[in-house]
């Protein structure tokens, strides 16, 4: 990894939330994130994640997922069913929290205002 690669990785970490999903279809999330223009990147490896999105029934049954998320201090978002409405609420909540934590450039402020103005 070069210095430029690590700088790019740091910049991505500051602008986006890396989300690990468990029990929710990747095919459902990808177009939803793109349509809503949320600063979220899906990752297939929990080691790179900032947060986890899973079904509440699955997190109860998966001891290893609980342990890893606690060890890495990841925020776990749980939904009751994998419906688009529940997924959208969780994604917007995740985006709101992320956007309040990062420093705001003018583009970030516009994006934040856009996301915060949308109703759940």
PDB file of N, CA and C in Angstrom:
ATOM      1  N   UNK A   1       0.842  -1.173   0.000  1.00  0.00           N
ATOM      2  CA  UNK A   1       0.000   0.000   0.000  1.00  0.00           C
ATOM      3  C   UNK A   1       0.890   1.239   0.000  1.00  0.00           C
ATOM      4  N   UNK A   2       0.625   2.135  -0.900  1.00  0.00           N
ATOM      5  CA  UNK A   2       1.420   3.351  -0.989  1.00  0.00           C
ATOM      6  C   UNK A   2       0.808   4.451  -0.128  1.00  0.00           C
ATOM      7  N   UNK A   3       1.526   5.534  -0.015  1.00  0.00           N
ATOM      8  CA  UNK A   3       1.041   6.670   0.769  1.00  0.00           C
ATOM      9  C   UNK A   3      -0.248   7.225   0.169  1.00  0.00           C
ATOM     10  N   UNK A   4      -0.331   7.265  -1.164  1.00  0.00           N
ATOM     11  CA  UNK A   4      -1.534   7.761  -1.829  1.00  0.00           C
ATOM     12  C   UNK A   4      -2.732   6.859  -1.552  1.00  0.00           C
ATOM     13  N   UNK A   5      -2.503   5.535  -1.521  1.00  0.00           N
ATOM     14  CA  UNK A   5      -3.583   4.594  -1.223  1.00  0.00           C
ATOM     15  C   UNK A   5      -4.115   4.807   0.185  1.00  0.00           C
ATOM     16  N   UNK A   6      -3.223   4.998   1.155  1.00  0.00           N
ATOM     17  CA  UNK A   6      -3.662   5.196   2.532  1.00  0.00           C
ATOM     18  C   UNK A   6      -4.371   6.537   2.692  1.00  0.00           C
ATOM     19  N   UNK A   7      -3.927   7.549   1.956  1.00  0.00           N
ATOM     20  CA  UNK A   7      -4.599   8.855   1.997  1.00  0.00           C
ATOM     21  C   UNK A   7      -6.002   8.745   1.409  1.00  0.00           C
ATOM     22  N   UNK A   8      -6.133   7.994   0.330  1.00  0.00           N
ATOM     23  CA  UNK A   8      -7.436   7.779  -0.274  1.00  0.00           C
ATOM     24  C   UNK A   8      -8.348   7.017   0.676  1.00  0.00           C
ATOM     25  N   UNK A   9      -7.804   6.004   1.342  1.00  0.00           N
ATOM     26  CA  UNK A   9      -8.579   5.231   2.305  1.00  0.00           C
ATOM     27  C   UNK A   9      -9.063   6.086   3.459  1.00  0.00           C
ATOM     28  N   UNK A  10      -8.208   6.963   3.949  1.00  0.00           N
ATOM     29  CA  UNK A  10      -8.575   7.865   5.040  1.00  0.00           C
ATOM     30  C   UNK A  10      -9.664   8.828   4.594  1.00  0.00           C
ATOM     31  N   UNK A  11      -9.532   9.339   3.371  1.00  0.00           N
ATOM     32  CA  UNK A  11     -10.544  10.259   2.844  1.00  0.00           C
ATOM     33  C   UNK A  11     -11.892   9.556   2.692  1.00  0.00           C
ATOM     34  N   UNK A  12     -11.876   8.320   2.214  1.00  0.00           N
ATOM     35  CA  UNK A  12     -13.115   7.554   2.085  1.00  0.00           C
ATOM     36  C   UNK A  12     -13.750   7.315   3.449  1.00  0.00           C
ATOM     37  N   UNK A  13     -12.928   6.977   4.445  1.00  0.00           N
ATOM     38  CA  UNK A  13     -13.429   6.740   5.799  1.00  0.00           C
ATOM     39  C   UNK A  13     -14.085   7.982   6.383  1.00  0.00           C
ATOM     40  N   UNK A  14     -13.566   9.163   6.036  1.00  0.00           N
ATOM     41  CA  UNK A  14     -14.126  10.397   6.557  1.00  0.00           C
ATOM     42  C   UNK A  14     -15.434  10.774   5.873  1.00  0.00           C
ATOM     43  N   UNK A  15     -15.556  10.464   4.599  1.00  0.00           N
ATOM     44  CA  UNK A  15     -16.734  10.878   3.847  1.00  0.00           C
ATOM     45  C   UNK A  15     -17.843   9.835   3.805  1.00  0.00           C
ATOM     46  N   UNK A  16     -17.509   8.589   4.038  1.00  0.00           N
ATOM     47  CA  UNK A  16     -18.490   7.519   3.908  1.00  0.00           C
ATOM     48  C   UNK A  16     -18.511   6.625   5.145  1.00  0.00           C
ATOM     49  N   UNK A  17     -19.637   5.993   5.362  1.00  0.00           N
ATOM     50  CA  UNK A  17     -19.757   4.966   6.389  1.00  0.00           C
ATOM     51  C   UNK A  17     -19.693   3.623   5.684  1.00  0.00           C
ATOM     52  N   UNK A  18     -18.846   2.745   6.170  1.00  0.00           N
ATOM     53  CA  UNK A  18     -18.741   1.405   5.612  1.00  0.00           C
ATOM     54  C   UNK A  18     -19.681   0.496   6.388  1.00  0.00           C
ATOM     55  N   UNK A  19     -20.618  -0.113   5.675  1.00  0.00           N
ATOM     56  CA  UNK A  19     -21.683  -0.893   6.294  1.00  0.00           C
ATOM     57  C   UNK A  19     -21.555  -2.366   5.931  1.00  0.00           C
ATOM     58  N   UNK A  20     -21.531  -3.204   6.957  1.00  0.00           N
ATOM     59  CA  UNK A  20     -21.535  -4.651   6.786  1.00  0.00           C
ATOM     60  C   UNK A  20     -22.974  -5.113   6.971  1.00  0.00           C
ATOM     61  N   UNK A  21     -23.464  -5.912   6.045  1.00  0.00           N
ATOM     62  CA  UNK A  21     -24.846  -6.388   6.153  1.00  0.00           C
ATOM     63  C   UNK A  21     -24.860  -7.887   6.412  1.00  0.00           C
ATOM     64  N   UNK A  22     -25.828  -8.303   7.221  1.00  0.00           N
ATOM     65  CA  UNK A  22     -25.972  -9.715   7.553  1.00  0.00           C
ATOM     66  C   UNK A  22     -27.455 -10.055   7.542  1.00  0.00           C
ATOM     67  N   UNK A  23     -27.843 -10.925   6.638  1.00  0.00           N
ATOM     68  CA  UNK A  23     -29.242 -11.343   6.550  1.00  0.00           C
ATOM     69  C   UNK A  23     -30.124 -10.424   5.731  1.00  0.00           C
ATOM     70  N   UNK A  24     -29.533  -9.419   5.128  1.00  0.00           N
ATOM     71  CA  UNK A  24     -30.258  -8.489   4.259  1.00  0.00           C
ATOM     72  C   UNK A  24     -29.611  -8.593   2.884  1.00  0.00           C
ATOM     73  N   UNK A  25     -30.429  -8.655   1.848  1.00  0.00           N
ATOM     74  CA  UNK A  25     -29.902  -8.852   0.499  1.00  0.00           C
ATOM     75  C   UNK A  25     -29.142  -7.626  -0.007  1.00  0.00           C
ATOM     76  N   UNK A  26     -27.932  -7.894  -0.469  1.00  0.00           N
ATOM     77  CA  UNK A  26     -27.080  -6.872  -1.055  1.00  0.00           C
ATOM     78  C   UNK A  26     -27.790  -6.195  -2.228  1.00  0.00           C
ATOM     79  N   UNK A  27     -28.515  -6.999  -3.010  1.00  0.00           N
ATOM     80  CA  UNK A  27     -29.218  -6.483  -4.193  1.00  0.00           C
ATOM     81  C   UNK A  27     -30.326  -5.496  -3.812  1.00  0.00           C
ATOM     82  N   UNK A  28     -30.872  -5.607  -2.598  1.00  0.00           N
ATOM     83  CA  UNK A  28     -31.893  -4.664  -2.144  1.00  0.00           C
ATOM     84  C   UNK A  28     -31.276  -3.339  -1.704  1.00  0.00           C
ATOM     85  N   UNK A  29     -30.101  -3.413  -1.110  1.00  0.00           N
ATOM     86  CA  UNK A  29     -29.486  -2.219  -0.537  1.00  0.00           C
ATOM     87  C   UNK A  29     -28.776  -1.335  -1.555  1.00  0.00           C
ATOM     88  N   UNK A  30     -28.059  -1.941  -2.461  1.00  0.00           N
ATOM     89  CA  UNK A  30     -27.231  -1.175  -3.398  1.00  0.00           C
ATOM     90  C   UNK A  30     -28.035  -0.123  -4.169  1.00  0.00           C
ATOM     91  N   UNK A  31     -29.147  -0.484  -4.832  1.00  0.00           N
ATOM     92  CA  UNK A  31     -29.902   0.553  -5.557  1.00  0.00           C
ATOM     93  C   UNK A  31     -30.578   1.560  -4.620  1.00  0.00           C
ATOM     94  N   UNK A  32     -30.951   1.123  -3.429  1.00  0.00           N
ATOM     95  CA  UNK A  32     -31.587   2.018  -2.462  1.00  0.00           C
ATOM     96  C   UNK A  32     -30.603   3.101  -2.001  1.00  0.00           C
ATOM     97  N   UNK A  33     -29.387   2.707  -1.696  1.00  0.00           N
ATOM     98  CA  UNK A  33     -28.356   3.662  -1.283  1.00  0.00           C
ATOM     99  C   UNK A  33     -28.063   4.650  -2.410  1.00  0.00           C
ATOM    100  N   UNK A  34     -28.003   4.136  -3.624  1.00  0.00           N
ATOM    101  CA  UNK A  34     -27.729   4.999  -4.780  1.00  0.00           C
ATOM    102  C   UNK A  34     -28.882   5.977  -5.020  1.00  0.00           C
ATOM    103  N   UNK A  35     -30.112   5.495  -4.938  1.00  0.00           N
ATOM    104  CA  UNK A  35     -31.283   6.337  -5.166  1.00  0.00           C
ATOM    105  C   UNK A  35     -31.385   7.444  -4.118  1.00  0.00           C
ATOM    106  N   UNK A  36     -31.145   7.086  -2.859  1.00  0.00           N
ATOM    107  CA  UNK A  36     -31.238   8.062  -1.772  1.00  0.00           C
ATOM    108  C   UNK A  36     -29.980   8.929  -1.646  1.00  0.00           C
ATOM    109  N   UNK A  37     -28.947   8.601  -2.402  1.00  0.00           N
ATOM    110  CA  UNK A  37     -27.676   9.325  -2.401  1.00  0.00           C
ATOM    111  C   UNK A  37     -27.091   9.428  -0.994  1.00  0.00           C
ATOM    112  N   UNK A  38     -27.039   8.290  -0.312  1.00  0.00           N
ATOM    113  CA  UNK A  38     -26.508   8.242   1.044  1.00  0.00           C
ATOM    114  C   UNK A  38     -24.999   7.990   1.026  1.00  0.00           C
ATOM    115  N   UNK A  39     -24.274   8.563   1.968  1.00  0.00           N
ATOM    116  CA  UNK A  39     -22.816   8.377   2.022  1.00  0.00           C
ATOM    117  C   UNK A  39     -22.454   7.046   2.694  1.00  0.00           C
ATOM    118  N   UNK A  40     -22.889   5.959   2.074  1.00  0.00           N
ATOM    119  CA  UNK A  40     -22.683   4.620   2.636  1.00  0.00           C
ATOM    120  C   UNK A  40     -22.065   3.731   1.569  1.00  0.00           C
ATOM    121  N   UNK A  41     -21.048   2.980   1.973  1.00  0.00           N
ATOM    122  CA  UNK A  41     -20.430   1.987   1.100  1.00  0.00           C
ATOM    123  C   UNK A  41     -20.616   0.631   1.761  1.00  0.00           C
ATOM    124  N   UNK A  42     -21.139  -0.321   1.000  1.00  0.00           N
ATOM    125  CA  UNK A  42     -21.330  -1.675   1.521  1.00  0.00           C
ATOM    126  C   UNK A  42     -20.016  -2.440   1.459  1.00  0.00           C
ATOM    127  N   UNK A  43     -19.711  -3.152   2.523  1.00  0.00           N
ATOM    128  CA  UNK A  43     -18.511  -3.972   2.566  1.00  0.00           C
ATOM    129  C   UNK A  43     -18.894  -5.411   2.880  1.00  0.00           C
ATOM    130  N   UNK A  44     -18.169  -6.337   2.296  1.00  0.00           N
ATOM    131  CA  UNK A  44     -18.445  -7.747   2.517  1.00  0.00           C
ATOM    132  C   UNK A  44     -17.604  -8.324   3.651  1.00  0.00           C
ATOM    133  N   UNK A  45     -16.730  -7.492   4.217  1.00  0.00           N
ATOM    134  CA  UNK A  45     -15.877  -7.944   5.316  1.00  0.00           C
ATOM    135  C   UNK A  45     -16.089  -7.049   6.526  1.00  0.00           C
ATOM    136  N   UNK A  46     -16.425  -7.667   7.631  1.00  0.00           N
ATOM    137  CA  UNK A  46     -16.755  -6.916   8.849  1.00  0.00           C
ATOM    138  C   UNK A  46     -15.554  -6.129   9.377  1.00  0.00           C
ATOM    139  N   UNK A  47     -14.355  -6.573   9.065  1.00  0.00           N
ATOM    140  CA  UNK A  47     -13.154  -5.880   9.566  1.00  0.00           C
ATOM    141  C   UNK A  47     -13.040  -4.452   9.040  1.00  0.00           C
ATOM    142  N   UNK A  48     -13.671  -4.152   7.915  1.00  0.00           N
ATOM    143  CA  UNK A  48     -13.615  -2.808   7.344  1.00  0.00           C
ATOM    144  C   UNK A  48     -14.848  -1.970   7.693  1.00  0.00           C
ATOM    145  N   UNK A  49     -15.787  -2.538   8.404  1.00  0.00           N
ATOM    146  CA  UNK A  49     -17.071  -1.886   8.665  1.00  0.00           C
ATOM    147  C   UNK A  49     -17.000  -0.860   9.788  1.00  0.00           C
ATOM    148  N   UNK A  50     -17.856   0.147   9.658  1.00  0.00           N
ATOM    149  CA  UNK A  50     -18.086   1.126  10.716  1.00  0.00           C
ATOM    150  C   UNK A  50     -19.381   0.807  11.454  1.00  0.00           C
ATOM    151  N   UNK A  51     -20.271   0.069  10.780  1.00  0.00           N
ATOM    152  CA  UNK A  51     -21.565  -0.280  11.343  1.00  0.00           C
ATOM    153  C   UNK A  51     -22.045  -1.585  10.712  1.00  0.00           C
ATOM    154  N   UNK A  52     -23.059  -2.184  11.354  1.00  0.00           N
ATOM    155  CA  UNK A  52     -23.641  -3.447  10.886  1.00  0.00           C
ATOM    156  C   UNK A  52     -25.146  -3.264  10.761  1.00  0.00           C
ATOM    157  N   UNK A  53     -25.720  -3.786   9.692  1.00  0.00           N
ATOM    158  CA  UNK A  53     -27.173  -3.822   9.522  1.00  0.00           C
ATOM    159  C   UNK A  53     -27.586  -5.279   9.425  1.00  0.00           C
ATOM    160  N   UNK A  54     -28.484  -5.695  10.307  1.00  0.00           N
ATOM    161  CA  UNK A  54     -28.909  -7.084  10.338  1.00  0.00           C
ATOM    162  C   UNK A  54     -30.350  -7.193  10.807  1.00  0.00           C
ATOM    163  N   UNK A  55     -30.917  -8.376  10.630  1.00  0.00           N
ATOM    164  CA  UNK A  55     -32.247  -8.664  11.168  1.00  0.00           C
ATOM    165  C   UNK A  55     -32.111  -8.943  12.655  1.00  0.00           C
ATOM    166  N   UNK A  56     -33.074  -8.482  13.434  1.00  0.00           N
ATOM    167  CA  UNK A  56     -32.973  -8.651  14.889  1.00  0.00           C
ATOM    168  C   UNK A  56     -32.972 -10.129  15.288  1.00  0.00           C
ATOM    169  N   UNK A  57     -33.676 -10.965  14.552  1.00  0.00           N
ATOM    170  CA  UNK A  57     -33.699 -12.393  14.878  1.00  0.00           C
ATOM    171  C   UNK A  57     -32.345 -13.059  14.625  1.00  0.00           C
ATOM    172  N   UNK A  58     -31.594 -12.549  13.666  1.00  0.00           N
ATOM    173  CA  UNK A  58     -30.300 -13.149  13.340  1.00  0.00           C
ATOM    174  C   UNK A  58     -29.195 -12.729  14.310  1.00  0.00           C
ATOM    175  N   UNK A  59     -29.249 -11.511  14.802  1.00  0.00           N
ATOM    176  CA  UNK A  59     -28.206 -11.067  15.730  1.00  0.00           C
ATOM    177  C   UNK A  59     -28.332 -11.813  17.056  1.00  0.00           C
ATOM    178  N   UNK A  60     -29.542 -12.166  17.422  1.00  0.00           N
ATOM    179  CA  UNK A  60     -29.744 -12.926  18.666  1.00  0.00           C
ATOM    180  C   UNK A  60     -29.129 -14.315  18.564  1.00  0.00           C
ATOM    181  N   UNK A  61     -29.200 -14.889  17.375  1.00  0.00           N
ATOM    182  CA  UNK A  61     -28.728 -16.260  17.186  1.00  0.00           C
ATOM    183  C   UNK A  61     -27.248 -16.355  16.825  1.00  0.00           C
ATOM    184  N   UNK A  62     -26.628 -15.274  16.425  1.00  0.00           N
ATOM    185  CA  UNK A  62     -25.244 -15.324  15.961  1.00  0.00           C
ATOM    186  C   UNK A  62     -24.299 -14.730  17.010  1.00  0.00           C
ATOM    187  N   UNK A  63     -23.774 -15.576  17.844  1.00  0.00           N
ATOM    188  CA  UNK A  63     -22.905 -15.147  18.935  1.00  0.00           C
ATOM    189  C   UNK A  63     -21.610 -14.510  18.418  1.00  0.00           C
ATOM    190  N   UNK A  64     -21.075 -15.061  17.338  1.00  0.00           N
ATOM    191  CA  UNK A  64     -19.814 -14.548  16.793  1.00  0.00           C
ATOM    192  C   UNK A  64     -19.982 -13.119  16.267  1.00  0.00           C
ATOM    193  N   UNK A  65     -21.078 -12.855  15.582  1.00  0.00           N
ATOM    194  CA  UNK A  65     -21.341 -11.505  15.078  1.00  0.00           C
ATOM    195  C   UNK A  65     -21.449 -10.519  16.237  1.00  0.00           C
ATOM    196  N   UNK A  66     -22.120 -10.919  17.301  1.00  0.00           N
ATOM    197  CA  UNK A  66     -22.216 -10.072  18.497  1.00  0.00           C
ATOM    198  C   UNK A  66     -20.838  -9.780  19.077  1.00  0.00           C
ATOM    199  N   UNK A  67     -20.022 -10.811  19.195  1.00  0.00           N
ATOM    200  CA  UNK A  67     -18.695 -10.650  19.791  1.00  0.00           C
ATOM    201  C   UNK A  67     -17.806  -9.734  18.953  1.00  0.00           C
ATOM    202  N   UNK A  68     -17.815  -9.939  17.644  1.00  0.00           N
ATOM    203  CA  UNK A  68     -16.978  -9.114  16.759  1.00  0.00           C
ATOM    204  C   UNK A  68     -17.442  -7.662  16.794  1.00  0.00           C
ATOM    205  N   UNK A  69     -18.746  -7.444  16.741  1.00  0.00           N
ATOM    206  CA  UNK A  69     -19.249  -6.070  16.749  1.00  0.00           C
ATOM    207  C   UNK A  69     -18.959  -5.379  18.079  1.00  0.00           C
ATOM    208  N   UNK A  70     -19.009  -6.120  19.176  1.00  0.00           N
ATOM    209  CA  UNK A  70     -18.668  -5.530  20.475  1.00  0.00           C
ATOM    210  C   UNK A  70     -17.171  -5.247  20.564  1.00  0.00           C
ATOM    211  N   UNK A  71     -16.350  -6.170  20.079  1.00  0.00           N
ATOM    212  CA  UNK A  71     -14.894  -5.995  20.134  1.00  0.00           C
ATOM    213  C   UNK A  71     -14.447  -4.794  19.290  1.00  0.00           C
ATOM    214  N   UNK A  72     -15.046  -4.628  18.128  1.00  0.00           N
ATOM    215  CA  UNK A  72     -14.684  -3.513  17.244  1.00  0.00           C
ATOM    216  C   UNK A  72     -15.467  -2.243  17.561  1.00  0.00           C
ATOM    217  N   UNK A  73     -16.380  -2.335  18.533  1.00  0.00           N
ATOM    218  CA  UNK A  73     -17.231  -1.209  18.931  1.00  0.00           C
ATOM    219  C   UNK A  73     -18.029  -0.669  17.746  1.00  0.00           C
ATOM    220  N   UNK A  74     -18.632  -1.593  17.001  1.00  0.00           N
ATOM    221  CA  UNK A  74     -19.460  -1.222  15.855  1.00  0.00           C
ATOM    222  C   UNK A  74     -20.889  -0.961  16.306  1.00  0.00           C
ATOM    223  N   UNK A  75     -21.520  -0.002  15.692  1.00  0.00           N
ATOM    224  CA  UNK A  75     -22.936   0.231  15.923  1.00  0.00           C
ATOM    225  C   UNK A  75     -23.704  -0.802  15.117  1.00  0.00           C
ATOM    226  N   UNK A  76     -24.634  -1.495  15.772  1.00  0.00           N
ATOM    227  CA  UNK A  76     -25.431  -2.514  15.098  1.00  0.00           C
ATOM    228  C   UNK A  76     -26.849  -1.989  14.936  1.00  0.00           C
ATOM    229  N   UNK A  77     -27.288  -1.864  13.693  1.00  0.00           N
ATOM    230  CA  UNK A  77     -28.651  -1.458  13.379  1.00  0.00           C
ATOM    231  C   UNK A  77     -29.443  -2.717  13.091  1.00  0.00           C
ATOM    232  N   UNK A  78     -30.535  -2.907  13.820  1.00  0.00           N
ATOM    233  CA  UNK A  78     -31.357  -4.090  13.606  1.00  0.00           C
ATOM    234  C   UNK A  78     -32.708  -3.670  13.060  1.00  0.00           C
ATOM    235  N   UNK A  79     -33.222  -4.510  12.185  1.00  0.00           N
ATOM    236  CA  UNK A  79     -34.560  -4.305  11.633  1.00  0.00           C
ATOM    237  C   UNK A  79     -35.357  -5.575  11.854  1.00  0.00           C
ATOM    238  N   UNK A  80     -36.660  -5.432  11.992  1.00  0.00           N
ATOM    239  CA  UNK A  80     -37.521  -6.587  12.240  1.00  0.00           C
ATOM    240  C   UNK A  80     -37.708  -7.440  10.988  1.00  0.00           C
ATOM    241  N   UNK A  81     -37.935  -6.771   9.874  1.00  0.00           N
ATOM    242  CA  UNK A  81     -38.142  -7.467   8.596  1.00  0.00           C
ATOM    243  C   UNK A  81     -37.311  -6.772   7.524  1.00  0.00           C
ATOM    244  N   UNK A  82     -36.948  -7.492   6.468  1.00  0.00           N
ATOM    245  CA  UNK A  82     -36.147  -6.869   5.409  1.00  0.00           C
ATOM    246  C   UNK A  82     -36.981  -6.092   4.390  1.00  0.00           C
ATOM    247  N   UNK A  83     -37.987  -5.356   4.867  1.00  0.00           N
ATOM    248  CA  UNK A  83     -38.810  -4.557   3.949  1.00  0.00           C
ATOM    249  C   UNK A  83     -38.060  -3.287   3.574  1.00  0.00           C
ATOM    250  N   UNK A  84     -38.386  -2.737   2.429  1.00  0.00           N
ATOM    251  CA  UNK A  84     -37.708  -1.533   1.965  1.00  0.00           C
ATOM    252  C   UNK A  84     -37.914  -0.358   2.913  1.00  0.00           C
ATOM    253  N   UNK A  85     -39.089  -0.286   3.532  1.00  0.00           N
ATOM    254  CA  UNK A  85     -39.370   0.802   4.466  1.00  0.00           C
ATOM    255  C   UNK A  85     -38.451   0.714   5.682  1.00  0.00           C
ATOM    256  N   UNK A  86     -38.319  -0.463   6.260  1.00  0.00           N
ATOM    257  CA  UNK A  86     -37.469  -0.648   7.444  1.00  0.00           C
ATOM    258  C   UNK A  86     -35.995  -0.414   7.086  1.00  0.00           C
ATOM    259  N   UNK A  87     -35.577  -0.913   5.939  1.00  0.00           N
ATOM    260  CA  UNK A  87     -34.193  -0.732   5.502  1.00  0.00           C
ATOM    261  C   UNK A  87     -33.898   0.754   5.282  1.00  0.00           C
ATOM    262  N   UNK A  88     -34.820   1.465   4.650  1.00  0.00           N
ATOM    263  CA  UNK A  88     -34.652   2.894   4.386  1.00  0.00           C
ATOM    264  C   UNK A  88     -34.519   3.680   5.687  1.00  0.00           C
ATOM    265  N   UNK A  89     -35.352   3.371   6.670  1.00  0.00           N
ATOM    266  CA  UNK A  89     -35.274   4.060   7.962  1.00  0.00           C
ATOM    267  C   UNK A  89     -33.911   3.841   8.618  1.00  0.00           C
ATOM    268  N   UNK A  90     -33.442   2.606   8.589  1.00  0.00           N
ATOM    269  CA  UNK A  90     -32.147   2.292   9.203  1.00  0.00           C
ATOM    270  C   UNK A  90     -31.013   3.000   8.466  1.00  0.00           C
ATOM    271  N   UNK A  91     -31.048   3.001   7.148  1.00  0.00           N
ATOM    272  CA  UNK A  91     -29.993   3.659   6.367  1.00  0.00           C
ATOM    273  C   UNK A  91     -29.972   5.168   6.596  1.00  0.00           C
ATOM    274  N   UNK A  92     -31.135   5.776   6.649  1.00  0.00           N
ATOM    275  CA  UNK A  92     -31.195   7.222   6.883  1.00  0.00           C
ATOM    276  C   UNK A  92     -30.714   7.563   8.287  1.00  0.00           C
ATOM    277  N   UNK A  93     -31.063   6.736   9.245  1.00  0.00           N
ATOM    278  CA  UNK A  93     -30.583   6.941  10.614  1.00  0.00           C
ATOM    279  C   UNK A  93     -29.061   6.851  10.662  1.00  0.00           C
ATOM    280  N   UNK A  94     -28.518   5.859   9.998  1.00  0.00           N
ATOM    281  CA  UNK A  94     -27.066   5.691   9.925  1.00  0.00           C
ATOM    282  C   UNK A  94     -26.409   6.894   9.255  1.00  0.00           C
ATOM    283  N   UNK A  95     -26.996   7.360   8.174  1.00  0.00           N
ATOM    284  CA  UNK A  95     -26.437   8.508   7.452  1.00  0.00           C
ATOM    285  C   UNK A  95     -26.502   9.776   8.301  1.00  0.00           C
ATOM    286  N   UNK A  96     -27.592   9.976   9.043  1.00  0.00           N
ATOM    287  CA  UNK A  96     -27.714  11.149   9.907  1.00  0.00           C
ATOM    288  C   UNK A  96     -26.606  11.172  10.947  1.00  0.00           C
ATOM    289  N   UNK A  97     -26.389  10.043  11.592  1.00  0.00           N
ATOM    290  CA  UNK A  97     -25.362   9.965  12.631  1.00  0.00           C
ATOM    291  C   UNK A  97     -23.985  10.218  12.041  1.00  0.00           C
ATOM    292  N   UNK A  98     -23.710   9.615  10.900  1.00  0.00           N
ATOM    293  CA  UNK A  98     -22.406   9.800  10.267  1.00  0.00           C
ATOM    294  C   UNK A  98     -22.182  11.260   9.885  1.00  0.00           C
ATOM    295  N   UNK A  99     -23.193  11.887   9.324  1.00  0.00           N
ATOM    296  CA  UNK A  99     -23.033  13.260   8.855  1.00  0.00           C
ATOM    297  C   UNK A  99     -22.877  14.248  10.001  1.00  0.00           C
ATOM    298  N   UNK A 100     -23.387  13.942  11.167  1.00  0.00           N
ATOM    299  CA  UNK A 100     -23.195  14.836  12.307  1.00  0.00           C
ATOM    300  C   UNK A 100     -21.795  14.677  12.904  1.00  0.00           C
ATOM    301  N   UNK A 101     -21.121  13.566  12.599  1.00  0.00           N
ATOM    302  CA  UNK A 101     -19.799  13.305  13.156  1.00  0.00           C
ATOM    303  C   UNK A 101     -18.652  13.835  12.303  1.00  0.00           C
ATOM    304  N   UNK A 102     -18.882  14.051  11.039  1.00  0.00           N
ATOM    305  CA  UNK A 102     -17.786  14.492  10.167  1.00  0.00           C
ATOM    306  C   UNK A 102     -17.729  16.012  10.102  1.00  0.00           C
ATOM    307  N   UNK A 103     -16.573  16.533   9.743  1.00  0.00           N
ATOM    308  CA  UNK A 103     -16.465  17.975   9.546  1.00  0.00           C
ATOM    309  C   UNK A 103     -17.151  18.316   8.232  1.00  0.00           C
ATOM    310  N   UNK A 104     -17.780  19.475   8.186  1.00  0.00           N
ATOM    311  CA  UNK A 104     -18.635  19.822   7.052  1.00  0.00           C
ATOM    312  C   UNK A 104     -17.959  20.808   6.101  1.00  0.00           C
ATOM    313  N   UNK A 105     -17.801  20.362   4.863  1.00  0.00           N
ATOM    314  CA  UNK A 105     -17.454  21.304   3.807  1.00  0.00           C
ATOM    315  C   UNK A 105     -18.789  21.785   3.233  1.00  0.00           C
ATOM    316  N   UNK A 106     -18.806  22.685   2.289  1.00  0.00           N
ATOM    317  CA  UNK A 106     -20.060  23.194   1.753  1.00  0.00           C
ATOM    318  C   UNK A 106     -20.883  22.087   1.108  1.00  0.00           C
ATOM    319  N   UNK A 107     -20.225  21.185   0.360  1.00  0.00           N
ATOM    320  CA  UNK A 107     -20.954  20.080  -0.265  1.00  0.00           C
ATOM    321  C   UNK A 107     -21.555  19.169   0.788  1.00  0.00           C
ATOM    322  N   UNK A 108     -20.825  18.918   1.879  1.00  0.00           N
ATOM    323  CA  UNK A 108     -21.337  18.077   2.944  1.00  0.00           C
ATOM    324  C   UNK A 108     -22.544  18.721   3.623  1.00  0.00           C
ATOM    325  N   UNK A 109     -22.507  20.034   3.785  1.00  0.00           N
ATOM    326  CA  UNK A 109     -23.631  20.737   4.403  1.00  0.00           C
ATOM    327  C   UNK A 109     -24.868  20.592   3.533  1.00  0.00           C
ATOM    328  N   UNK A 110     -24.715  20.755   2.215  1.00  0.00           N
ATOM    329  CA  UNK A 110     -25.846  20.585   1.304  1.00  0.00           C
ATOM    330  C   UNK A 110     -26.394  19.166   1.370  1.00  0.00           C
ATOM    331  N   UNK A 111     -25.514  18.167   1.388  1.00  0.00           N
ATOM    332  CA  UNK A 111     -25.932  16.781   1.467  1.00  0.00           C
ATOM    333  C   UNK A 111     -26.621  16.506   2.800  1.00  0.00           C
ATOM    334  N   UNK A 112     -26.070  17.050   3.880  1.00  0.00           N
ATOM    335  CA  UNK A 112     -26.673  16.875   5.201  1.00  0.00           C
ATOM    336  C   UNK A 112     -28.067  17.474   5.237  1.00  0.00           C
ATOM    337  N   UNK A 113     -28.216  18.675   4.740  1.00  0.00           N
ATOM    338  CA  UNK A 113     -29.513  19.340   4.730  1.00  0.00           C
ATOM    339  C   UNK A 113     -30.523  18.529   3.928  1.00  0.00           C
ATOM    340  N   UNK A 114     -30.094  17.972   2.823  1.00  0.00           N
ATOM    341  CA  UNK A 114     -30.960  17.146   1.994  1.00  0.00           C
ATOM    342  C   UNK A 114     -31.439  15.907   2.734  1.00  0.00           C
ATOM    343  N   UNK A 115     -30.539  15.222   3.384  1.00  0.00           N
ATOM    344  CA  UNK A 115     -30.901  13.995   4.094  1.00  0.00           C
ATOM    345  C   UNK A 115     -31.741  14.295   5.322  1.00  0.00           C
ATOM    346  N   UNK A 116     -31.364  15.320   6.085  1.00  0.00           N
ATOM    347  CA  UNK A 116     -32.091  15.638   7.306  1.00  0.00           C
ATOM    348  C   UNK A 116     -33.494  16.171   7.028  1.00  0.00           C
ATOM    349  N   UNK A 117     -33.711  16.719   5.855  1.00  0.00           N
ATOM    350  CA  UNK A 117     -35.030  17.264   5.531  1.00  0.00           C
ATOM    351  C   UNK A 117     -36.022  16.196   5.102  1.00  0.00           C
ATOM    352  N   UNK A 118     -35.545  14.989   4.809  1.00  0.00           N
ATOM    353  CA  UNK A 118     -36.448  13.938   4.363  1.00  0.00           C
ATOM    354  C   UNK A 118     -37.121  13.282   5.555  1.00  0.00           C
ATOM    355  N   UNK A 119     -38.413  13.005   5.395  1.00  0.00           N
ATOM    356  CA  UNK A 119     -39.179  12.364   6.460  1.00  0.00           C
ATOM    357  C   UNK A 119     -38.965  10.864   6.438  1.00  0.00           C
ATOM    358  N   UNK A 120     -39.063  10.269   7.604  1.00  0.00           N
ATOM    359  CA  UNK A 120     -38.954   8.821   7.706  1.00  0.00           C
ATOM    360  C   UNK A 120     -40.292   8.225   7.454  1.00  0.00           C
TER     361      UNK A 120
END
